[in-house]
Full PDB file with SEQRES, HELIX, SHEET, SSBOND, CRYST1, ORIGX, SCALE, CONECT and MASTER records, all heavy atoms in Angstrom:
SEQRES   1 A   29  TYR ARG HIS THR TRP ILE GLN SER THR GLU ASN ILE VAL          
SEQRES   2 A   29  ALA LEU ALA VAL LYS VAL GLY ALA LEU PRO LYS GLN THR          
SEQRES   3 A   29  ASP ILE VAL                                                  
HELIX    1 AA1 ARG A    2  LYS A   18  1                                  17    
CRYST1    1.000    1.000    1.000  90.00  90.00  90.00 P 1           1          
ORIGX1      1.000000  0.000000  0.000000        0.00000                         
ORIGX2      0.000000  1.000000  0.000000        0.00000                         
ORIGX3      0.000000  0.000000  1.000000        0.00000                         
SCALE1      1.000000  0.000000  0.000000        0.00000                         
SCALE2      0.000000  1.000000  0.000000        0.00000                         
SCALE3      0.000000  0.000000  1.000000        0.00000                         
ATOM      1  N   TYR A   1       0.834  -1.177   0.002  1.00  0.00           N  
ATOM      2  CA  TYR A   1       0.024  -0.009  -0.001  1.00  0.00           C  
ATOM      3  C   TYR A   1       0.858   1.267  -0.002  1.00  0.00           C  
ATOM      4  O   TYR A   1       0.606   2.222  -0.755  1.00  0.00           O  
ATOM      5  CB  TYR A   1      -0.886   0.005   1.253  1.00  0.00           C  
ATOM      6  CG  TYR A   1      -1.883  -1.058   1.322  1.00  0.00           C  
ATOM      7  CD1 TYR A   1      -2.320  -1.534   2.585  1.00  0.00           C  
ATOM      8  CD2 TYR A   1      -2.544  -1.588   0.225  1.00  0.00           C  
ATOM      9  CE1 TYR A   1      -3.293  -2.497   2.718  1.00  0.00           C  
ATOM     10  CE2 TYR A   1      -3.457  -2.607   0.324  1.00  0.00           C  
ATOM     11  CZ  TYR A   1      -3.840  -3.042   1.585  1.00  0.00           C  
ATOM     12  OH  TYR A   1      -4.783  -4.016   1.702  1.00  0.00           O  
ATOM     13  N   ARG A   2       1.831   1.225   0.844  1.00  0.00           N  
ATOM     14  CA  ARG A   2       2.781   2.450   0.983  1.00  0.00           C  
ATOM     15  C   ARG A   2       3.432   2.786  -0.321  1.00  0.00           C  
ATOM     16  O   ARG A   2       3.511   3.918  -0.716  1.00  0.00           O  
ATOM     17  CB  ARG A   2       3.750   2.225   2.138  1.00  0.00           C  
ATOM     18  CG  ARG A   2       4.715   3.394   2.349  1.00  0.00           C  
ATOM     19  CD  ARG A   2       5.498   3.176   3.634  1.00  0.00           C  
ATOM     20  NE  ARG A   2       6.258   1.950   3.599  1.00  0.00           N  
ATOM     21  CZ  ARG A   2       7.456   1.838   3.073  1.00  0.00           C  
ATOM     22  NH1 ARG A   2       7.975   2.823   2.447  1.00  0.00           N  
ATOM     23  NH2 ARG A   2       8.073   0.640   3.091  1.00  0.00           N  
ATOM     24  N   HIS A   3       4.008   1.725  -0.960  1.00  0.00           N  
ATOM     25  CA  HIS A   3       4.741   1.932  -2.282  1.00  0.00           C  
ATOM     26  C   HIS A   3       3.772   2.477  -3.290  1.00  0.00           C  
ATOM     27  O   HIS A   3       4.113   3.325  -4.101  1.00  0.00           O  
ATOM     28  CB  HIS A   3       5.418   0.646  -2.684  1.00  0.00           C  
ATOM     29  CG  HIS A   3       6.484   0.201  -1.787  1.00  0.00           C  
ATOM     30  ND1 HIS A   3       7.483   1.099  -1.348  1.00  0.00           N  
ATOM     31  CD2 HIS A   3       6.848  -1.032  -1.294  1.00  0.00           C  
ATOM     32  CE1 HIS A   3       8.390   0.443  -0.590  1.00  0.00           C  
ATOM     33  NE2 HIS A   3       8.021  -0.841  -0.550  1.00  0.00           N  
ATOM     34  N   THR A   4       2.549   1.938  -3.326  1.00  0.00           N  
ATOM     35  CA  THR A   4       1.584   2.362  -4.339  1.00  0.00           C  
ATOM     36  C   THR A   4       1.217   3.840  -4.084  1.00  0.00           C  
ATOM     37  O   THR A   4       1.126   4.627  -5.035  1.00  0.00           O  
ATOM     38  CB  THR A   4       0.272   1.489  -4.222  1.00  0.00           C  
ATOM     39  OG1 THR A   4       0.650   0.155  -4.555  1.00  0.00           O  
ATOM     40  CG2 THR A   4      -0.719   1.968  -5.215  1.00  0.00           C  
ATOM     41  N   TRP A   5       1.022   4.205  -2.767  1.00  0.00           N  
ATOM     42  CA  TRP A   5       0.672   5.567  -2.448  1.00  0.00           C  
ATOM     43  C   TRP A   5       1.796   6.560  -2.866  1.00  0.00           C  
ATOM     44  O   TRP A   5       1.606   7.599  -3.429  1.00  0.00           O  
ATOM     45  CB  TRP A   5       0.345   5.713  -0.991  1.00  0.00           C  
ATOM     46  CG  TRP A   5      -0.014   7.088  -0.581  1.00  0.00           C  
ATOM     47  CD1 TRP A   5      -1.000   7.907  -1.004  1.00  0.00           C  
ATOM     48  CD2 TRP A   5       0.732   7.922   0.394  1.00  0.00           C  
ATOM     49  NE1 TRP A   5      -0.990   9.107  -0.402  1.00  0.00           N  
ATOM     50  CE2 TRP A   5       0.072   9.145   0.491  1.00  0.00           C  
ATOM     51  CE3 TRP A   5       1.849   7.638   1.213  1.00  0.00           C  
ATOM     52  CZ2 TRP A   5       0.489  10.125   1.319  1.00  0.00           C  
ATOM     53  CZ3 TRP A   5       2.276   8.650   2.059  1.00  0.00           C  
ATOM     54  CH2 TRP A   5       1.610   9.913   2.095  1.00  0.00           C  
ATOM     55  N   ILE A   6       3.075   6.119  -2.535  1.00  0.00           N  
ATOM     56  CA  ILE A   6       4.199   6.975  -2.853  1.00  0.00           C  
ATOM     57  C   ILE A   6       4.376   7.181  -4.338  1.00  0.00           C  
ATOM     58  O   ILE A   6       4.603   8.279  -4.840  1.00  0.00           O  
ATOM     59  CB  ILE A   6       5.519   6.408  -2.250  1.00  0.00           C  
ATOM     60  CG1 ILE A   6       5.447   6.507  -0.683  1.00  0.00           C  
ATOM     61  CG2 ILE A   6       6.731   7.129  -2.795  1.00  0.00           C  
ATOM     62  CD1 ILE A   6       6.602   5.797  -0.018  1.00  0.00           C  
ATOM     63  N   GLN A   7       4.219   6.086  -5.113  1.00  0.00           N  
ATOM     64  CA  GLN A   7       4.291   6.145  -6.575  1.00  0.00           C  
ATOM     65  C   GLN A   7       3.177   7.042  -7.133  1.00  0.00           C  
ATOM     66  O   GLN A   7       3.441   7.859  -8.070  1.00  0.00           O  
ATOM     67  CB  GLN A   7       4.228   4.770  -7.201  1.00  0.00           C  
ATOM     68  CG  GLN A   7       4.398   4.745  -8.652  1.00  0.00           C  
ATOM     69  CD  GLN A   7       5.671   5.375  -9.173  1.00  0.00           C  
ATOM     70  OE1 GLN A   7       6.766   4.817  -8.802  1.00  0.00           O  
ATOM     71  NE2 GLN A   7       5.667   6.413  -9.898  1.00  0.00           N  
ATOM     72  N   SER A   8       1.967   6.896  -6.632  1.00  0.00           N  
ATOM     73  CA  SER A   8       0.864   7.741  -7.122  1.00  0.00           C  
ATOM     74  C   SER A   8       1.128   9.232  -6.761  1.00  0.00           C  
ATOM     75  O   SER A   8       0.814  10.085  -7.569  1.00  0.00           O  
ATOM     76  CB  SER A   8      -0.447   7.234  -6.499  1.00  0.00           C  
ATOM     77  OG  SER A   8      -0.791   5.945  -6.913  1.00  0.00           O  
ATOM     78  N   THR A   9       1.662   9.474  -5.588  1.00  0.00           N  
ATOM     79  CA  THR A   9       1.964  10.807  -5.179  1.00  0.00           C  
ATOM     80  C   THR A   9       3.063  11.407  -6.107  1.00  0.00           C  
ATOM     81  O   THR A   9       3.039  12.577  -6.485  1.00  0.00           O  
ATOM     82  CB  THR A   9       2.414  10.890  -3.746  1.00  0.00           C  
ATOM     83  OG1 THR A   9       1.389  10.348  -2.908  1.00  0.00           O  
ATOM     84  CG2 THR A   9       2.655  12.331  -3.282  1.00  0.00           C  
ATOM     85  N   GLU A  10       4.051  10.566  -6.446  1.00  0.00           N  
ATOM     86  CA  GLU A  10       5.132  10.984  -7.329  1.00  0.00           C  
ATOM     87  C   GLU A  10       4.509  11.314  -8.707  1.00  0.00           C  
ATOM     88  O   GLU A  10       4.961  12.302  -9.388  1.00  0.00           O  
ATOM     89  CB  GLU A  10       6.189   9.882  -7.533  1.00  0.00           C  
ATOM     90  CG  GLU A  10       7.373  10.287  -8.339  1.00  0.00           C  
ATOM     91  CD  GLU A  10       8.471   9.206  -8.283  1.00  0.00           C  
ATOM     92  OE1 GLU A  10       8.778   8.694  -7.225  1.00  0.00           O  
ATOM     93  OE2 GLU A  10       8.969   8.920  -9.409  1.00  0.00           O  
ATOM     94  N   ASN A  11       3.504  10.543  -9.152  1.00  0.00           N  
ATOM     95  CA  ASN A  11       2.863  10.878 -10.428  1.00  0.00           C  
ATOM     96  C   ASN A  11       2.172  12.191 -10.365  1.00  0.00           C  
ATOM     97  O   ASN A  11       2.154  12.943 -11.345  1.00  0.00           O  
ATOM     98  CB  ASN A  11       1.865   9.756 -10.765  1.00  0.00           C  
ATOM     99  CG  ASN A  11       2.528   8.435 -11.071  1.00  0.00           C  
ATOM    100  OD1 ASN A  11       3.744   8.341 -11.398  1.00  0.00           O  
ATOM    101  ND2 ASN A  11       1.743   7.389 -11.000  1.00  0.00           N  
ATOM    102  N   ILE A  12       1.579  12.516  -9.239  1.00  0.00           N  
ATOM    103  CA  ILE A  12       0.901  13.816  -9.053  1.00  0.00           C  
ATOM    104  C   ILE A  12       1.894  14.922  -9.090  1.00  0.00           C  
ATOM    105  O   ILE A  12       1.647  16.003  -9.660  1.00  0.00           O  
ATOM    106  CB  ILE A  12       0.112  13.815  -7.758  1.00  0.00           C  
ATOM    107  CG1 ILE A  12      -1.134  12.872  -7.946  1.00  0.00           C  
ATOM    108  CG2 ILE A  12      -0.347  15.224  -7.386  1.00  0.00           C  
ATOM    109  CD1 ILE A  12      -1.982  12.640  -6.701  1.00  0.00           C  
ATOM    110  N   VAL A  13       3.031  14.747  -8.414  1.00  0.00           N  
ATOM    111  CA  VAL A  13       4.101  15.772  -8.420  1.00  0.00           C  
ATOM    112  C   VAL A  13       4.607  16.006  -9.843  1.00  0.00           C  
ATOM    113  O   VAL A  13       4.788  17.148 -10.320  1.00  0.00           O  
ATOM    114  CB  VAL A  13       5.261  15.384  -7.493  1.00  0.00           C  
ATOM    115  CG1 VAL A  13       6.409  16.354  -7.614  1.00  0.00           C  
ATOM    116  CG2 VAL A  13       4.783  15.381  -6.015  1.00  0.00           C  
ATOM    117  N   ALA A  14       4.806  14.935 -10.580  1.00  0.00           N  
ATOM    118  CA  ALA A  14       5.271  15.048 -11.991  1.00  0.00           C  
ATOM    119  C   ALA A  14       4.184  15.729 -12.805  1.00  0.00           C  
ATOM    120  O   ALA A  14       4.499  16.559 -13.713  1.00  0.00           O  
ATOM    121  CB  ALA A  14       5.524  13.642 -12.557  1.00  0.00           C  
ATOM    122  N   LEU A  15       2.929  15.512 -12.505  1.00  0.00           N  
ATOM    123  CA  LEU A  15       1.848  16.200 -13.245  1.00  0.00           C  
ATOM    124  C   LEU A  15       1.845  17.692 -12.913  1.00  0.00           C  
ATOM    125  O   LEU A  15       1.621  18.557 -13.776  1.00  0.00           O  
ATOM    126  CB  LEU A  15       0.506  15.608 -12.796  1.00  0.00           C  
ATOM    127  CG  LEU A  15      -0.762  16.147 -13.511  1.00  0.00           C  
ATOM    128  CD1 LEU A  15      -0.726  16.005 -14.984  1.00  0.00           C  
ATOM    129  CD2 LEU A  15      -1.977  15.474 -12.924  1.00  0.00           C  
ATOM    130  N   ALA A  16       2.134  18.004 -11.648  1.00  0.00           N  
ATOM    131  CA  ALA A  16       2.269  19.418 -11.265  1.00  0.00           C  
ATOM    132  C   ALA A  16       3.349  20.160 -12.033  1.00  0.00           C  
ATOM    133  O   ALA A  16       3.177  21.307 -12.473  1.00  0.00           O  
ATOM    134  CB  ALA A  16       2.591  19.522  -9.740  1.00  0.00           C  
ATOM    135  N   VAL A  17       4.447  19.462 -12.302  1.00  0.00           N  
ATOM    136  CA  VAL A  17       5.508  20.044 -13.087  1.00  0.00           C  
ATOM    137  C   VAL A  17       5.016  20.253 -14.519  1.00  0.00           C  
ATOM    138  O   VAL A  17       5.227  21.291 -15.186  1.00  0.00           O  
ATOM    139  CB  VAL A  17       6.765  19.187 -13.024  1.00  0.00           C  
ATOM    140  CG1 VAL A  17       7.825  19.702 -13.997  1.00  0.00           C  
ATOM    141  CG2 VAL A  17       7.301  19.094 -11.609  1.00  0.00           C  
ATOM    142  N   LYS A  18       4.322  19.218 -15.049  1.00  0.00           N  
ATOM    143  CA  LYS A  18       3.859  19.248 -16.439  1.00  0.00           C  
ATOM    144  C   LYS A  18       2.894  20.421 -16.664  1.00  0.00           C  
ATOM    145  O   LYS A  18       2.954  21.026 -17.745  1.00  0.00           O  
ATOM    146  CB  LYS A  18       3.153  17.899 -16.725  1.00  0.00           C  
ATOM    147  CG  LYS A  18       2.623  17.800 -18.149  1.00  0.00           C  
ATOM    148  CD  LYS A  18       1.965  16.458 -18.389  1.00  0.00           C  
ATOM    149  CE  LYS A  18       1.377  16.376 -19.783  1.00  0.00           C  
ATOM    150  NZ  LYS A  18       0.677  15.044 -20.001  1.00  0.00           N  
ATOM    151  N   VAL A  19       2.006  20.690 -15.732  1.00  0.00           N  
ATOM    152  CA  VAL A  19       0.997  21.786 -15.956  1.00  0.00           C  
ATOM    153  C   VAL A  19       1.507  23.104 -15.493  1.00  0.00           C  
ATOM    154  O   VAL A  19       0.738  24.084 -15.566  1.00  0.00           O  
ATOM    155  CB  VAL A  19      -0.335  21.436 -15.222  1.00  0.00           C  
ATOM    156  CG1 VAL A  19      -0.883  20.090 -15.755  1.00  0.00           C  
ATOM    157  CG2 VAL A  19      -0.146  21.441 -13.714  1.00  0.00           C  
ATOM    158  N   GLY A  20       2.748  23.170 -14.988  1.00  0.00           N  
ATOM    159  CA  GLY A  20       3.299  24.470 -14.586  1.00  0.00           C  
ATOM    160  C   GLY A  20       2.986  24.843 -13.103  1.00  0.00           C  
ATOM    161  O   GLY A  20       3.201  25.985 -12.753  1.00  0.00           O  
ATOM    162  N   ALA A  21       2.442  23.918 -12.332  1.00  0.00           N  
ATOM    163  CA  ALA A  21       2.159  24.214 -10.963  1.00  0.00           C  
ATOM    164  C   ALA A  21       3.395  24.102 -10.093  1.00  0.00           C  
ATOM    165  O   ALA A  21       3.396  24.611  -8.970  1.00  0.00           O  
ATOM    166  CB  ALA A  21       1.081  23.222 -10.473  1.00  0.00           C  
ATOM    167  N   LEU A  22       4.474  23.480 -10.652  1.00  0.00           N  
ATOM    168  CA  LEU A  22       5.755  23.485 -10.004  1.00  0.00           C  
ATOM    169  C   LEU A  22       6.840  23.769 -11.081  1.00  0.00           C  
ATOM    170  O   LEU A  22       6.608  23.524 -12.242  1.00  0.00           O  
ATOM    171  CB  LEU A  22       6.071  22.109  -9.390  1.00  0.00           C  
ATOM    172  CG  LEU A  22       5.412  21.751  -8.087  1.00  0.00           C  
ATOM    173  CD1 LEU A  22       5.659  20.273  -7.729  1.00  0.00           C  
ATOM    174  CD2 LEU A  22       5.846  22.689  -6.944  1.00  0.00           C  
ATOM    175  N   PRO A  23       7.888  24.344 -10.721  1.00  0.00           N  
ATOM    176  CA  PRO A  23       9.010  24.697 -11.682  1.00  0.00           C  
ATOM    177  C   PRO A  23       9.487  23.468 -12.432  1.00  0.00           C  
ATOM    178  O   PRO A  23       9.483  22.350 -11.921  1.00  0.00           O  
ATOM    179  CB  PRO A  23      10.087  25.299 -10.805  1.00  0.00           C  
ATOM    180  CG  PRO A  23       9.415  25.765  -9.566  1.00  0.00           C  
ATOM    181  CD  PRO A  23       8.263  24.773  -9.324  1.00  0.00           C  
ATOM    182  N   LYS A  24       9.965  23.667 -13.650  1.00  0.00           N  
ATOM    183  CA  LYS A  24      10.470  22.560 -14.475  1.00  0.00           C  
ATOM    184  C   LYS A  24      11.643  21.886 -13.842  1.00  0.00           C  
ATOM    185  O   LYS A  24      11.910  20.676 -14.017  1.00  0.00           O  
ATOM    186  CB  LYS A  24      10.851  23.077 -15.863  1.00  0.00           C  
ATOM    187  CG  LYS A  24       9.673  23.419 -16.675  1.00  0.00           C  
ATOM    188  CD  LYS A  24      10.059  23.820 -18.102  1.00  0.00           C  
ATOM    189  CE  LYS A  24       8.815  24.174 -18.956  1.00  0.00           C  
ATOM    190  NZ  LYS A  24       9.181  24.598 -20.357  1.00  0.00           N  
ATOM    191  N   GLN A  25      12.435  22.614 -13.007  1.00  0.00           N  
ATOM    192  CA  GLN A  25      13.659  22.059 -12.412  1.00  0.00           C  
ATOM    193  C   GLN A  25      13.382  21.370 -11.086  1.00  0.00           C  
ATOM    194  O   GLN A  25      14.293  20.973 -10.340  1.00  0.00           O  
ATOM    195  CB  GLN A  25      14.720  23.116 -12.264  1.00  0.00           C  
ATOM    196  CG  GLN A  25      14.359  24.220 -11.229  1.00  0.00           C  
ATOM    197  CD  GLN A  25      13.653  25.384 -11.923  1.00  0.00           C  
ATOM    198  OE1 GLN A  25      12.936  25.199 -12.907  1.00  0.00           O  
ATOM    199  NE2 GLN A  25      13.836  26.605 -11.401  1.00  0.00           N  
ATOM    200  N   THR A  26      12.082  21.157 -10.761  1.00  0.00           N  
ATOM    201  CA  THR A  26      11.735  20.509  -9.442  1.00  0.00           C  
ATOM    202  C   THR A  26      12.275  19.073  -9.417  1.00  0.00           C  
ATOM    203  O   THR A  26      12.216  18.335 -10.337  1.00  0.00           O  
ATOM    204  CB  THR A  26      10.179  20.491  -9.327  1.00  0.00           C  
ATOM    205  OG1 THR A  26       9.702  21.811  -9.243  1.00  0.00           O  
ATOM    206  CG2 THR A  26       9.790  19.741  -8.078  1.00  0.00           C  
ATOM    207  N   ASP A  27      12.843  18.766  -8.298  1.00  0.00           N  
ATOM    208  CA  ASP A  27      13.297  17.410  -8.006  1.00  0.00           C  
ATOM    209  C   ASP A  27      12.083  16.613  -7.585  1.00  0.00           C  
ATOM    210  O   ASP A  27      11.567  16.697  -6.463  1.00  0.00           O  
ATOM    211  CB  ASP A  27      14.353  17.379  -6.884  1.00  0.00           C  
ATOM    212  CG  ASP A  27      14.942  15.970  -6.642  1.00  0.00           C  
ATOM    213  OD1 ASP A  27      14.226  15.024  -6.727  1.00  0.00           O  
ATOM    214  OD2 ASP A  27      16.159  15.898  -6.410  1.00  0.00           O  
ATOM    215  N   ILE A  28      11.563  15.800  -8.492  1.00  0.00           N  
ATOM    216  CA  ILE A  28      10.285  15.106  -8.302  1.00  0.00           C  
ATOM    217  C   ILE A  28      10.379  14.072  -7.110  1.00  0.00           C  
ATOM    218  O   ILE A  28       9.452  14.038  -6.322  1.00  0.00           O  
ATOM    219  CB  ILE A  28       9.832  14.426  -9.576  1.00  0.00           C  
ATOM    220  CG1 ILE A  28       9.484  15.444 -10.609  1.00  0.00           C  
ATOM    221  CG2 ILE A  28       8.640  13.510  -9.333  1.00  0.00           C  
ATOM    222  CD1 ILE A  28       9.143  14.942 -11.964  1.00  0.00           C  
ATOM    223  N   VAL A  29      11.451  13.320  -7.017  1.00  0.00           N  
ATOM    224  CA  VAL A  29      11.585  12.325  -5.996  1.00  0.00           C  
ATOM    225  C   VAL A  29      11.645  13.001  -4.622  1.00  0.00           C  
ATOM    226  O   VAL A  29      10.933  12.614  -3.667  1.00  0.00           O  
ATOM    227  CB  VAL A  29      12.798  11.467  -6.254  1.00  0.00           C  
ATOM    228  CG1 VAL A  29      13.075  10.512  -5.082  1.00  0.00           C  
ATOM    229  CG2 VAL A  29      12.636  10.639  -7.511  1.00  0.00           C  
TER     230      VAL A  29                                                      
MASTER        0    0    0    1    0    0    0    6  229    1    0    3          
END                                                                             
């Protein structure tokens, strides 16, 4: 469960970068 949640959260952070909600140089991990 924990790994799935972390991976899904990482996907959300990557999406934030994609839509410009976070800077392009954001360290996603």
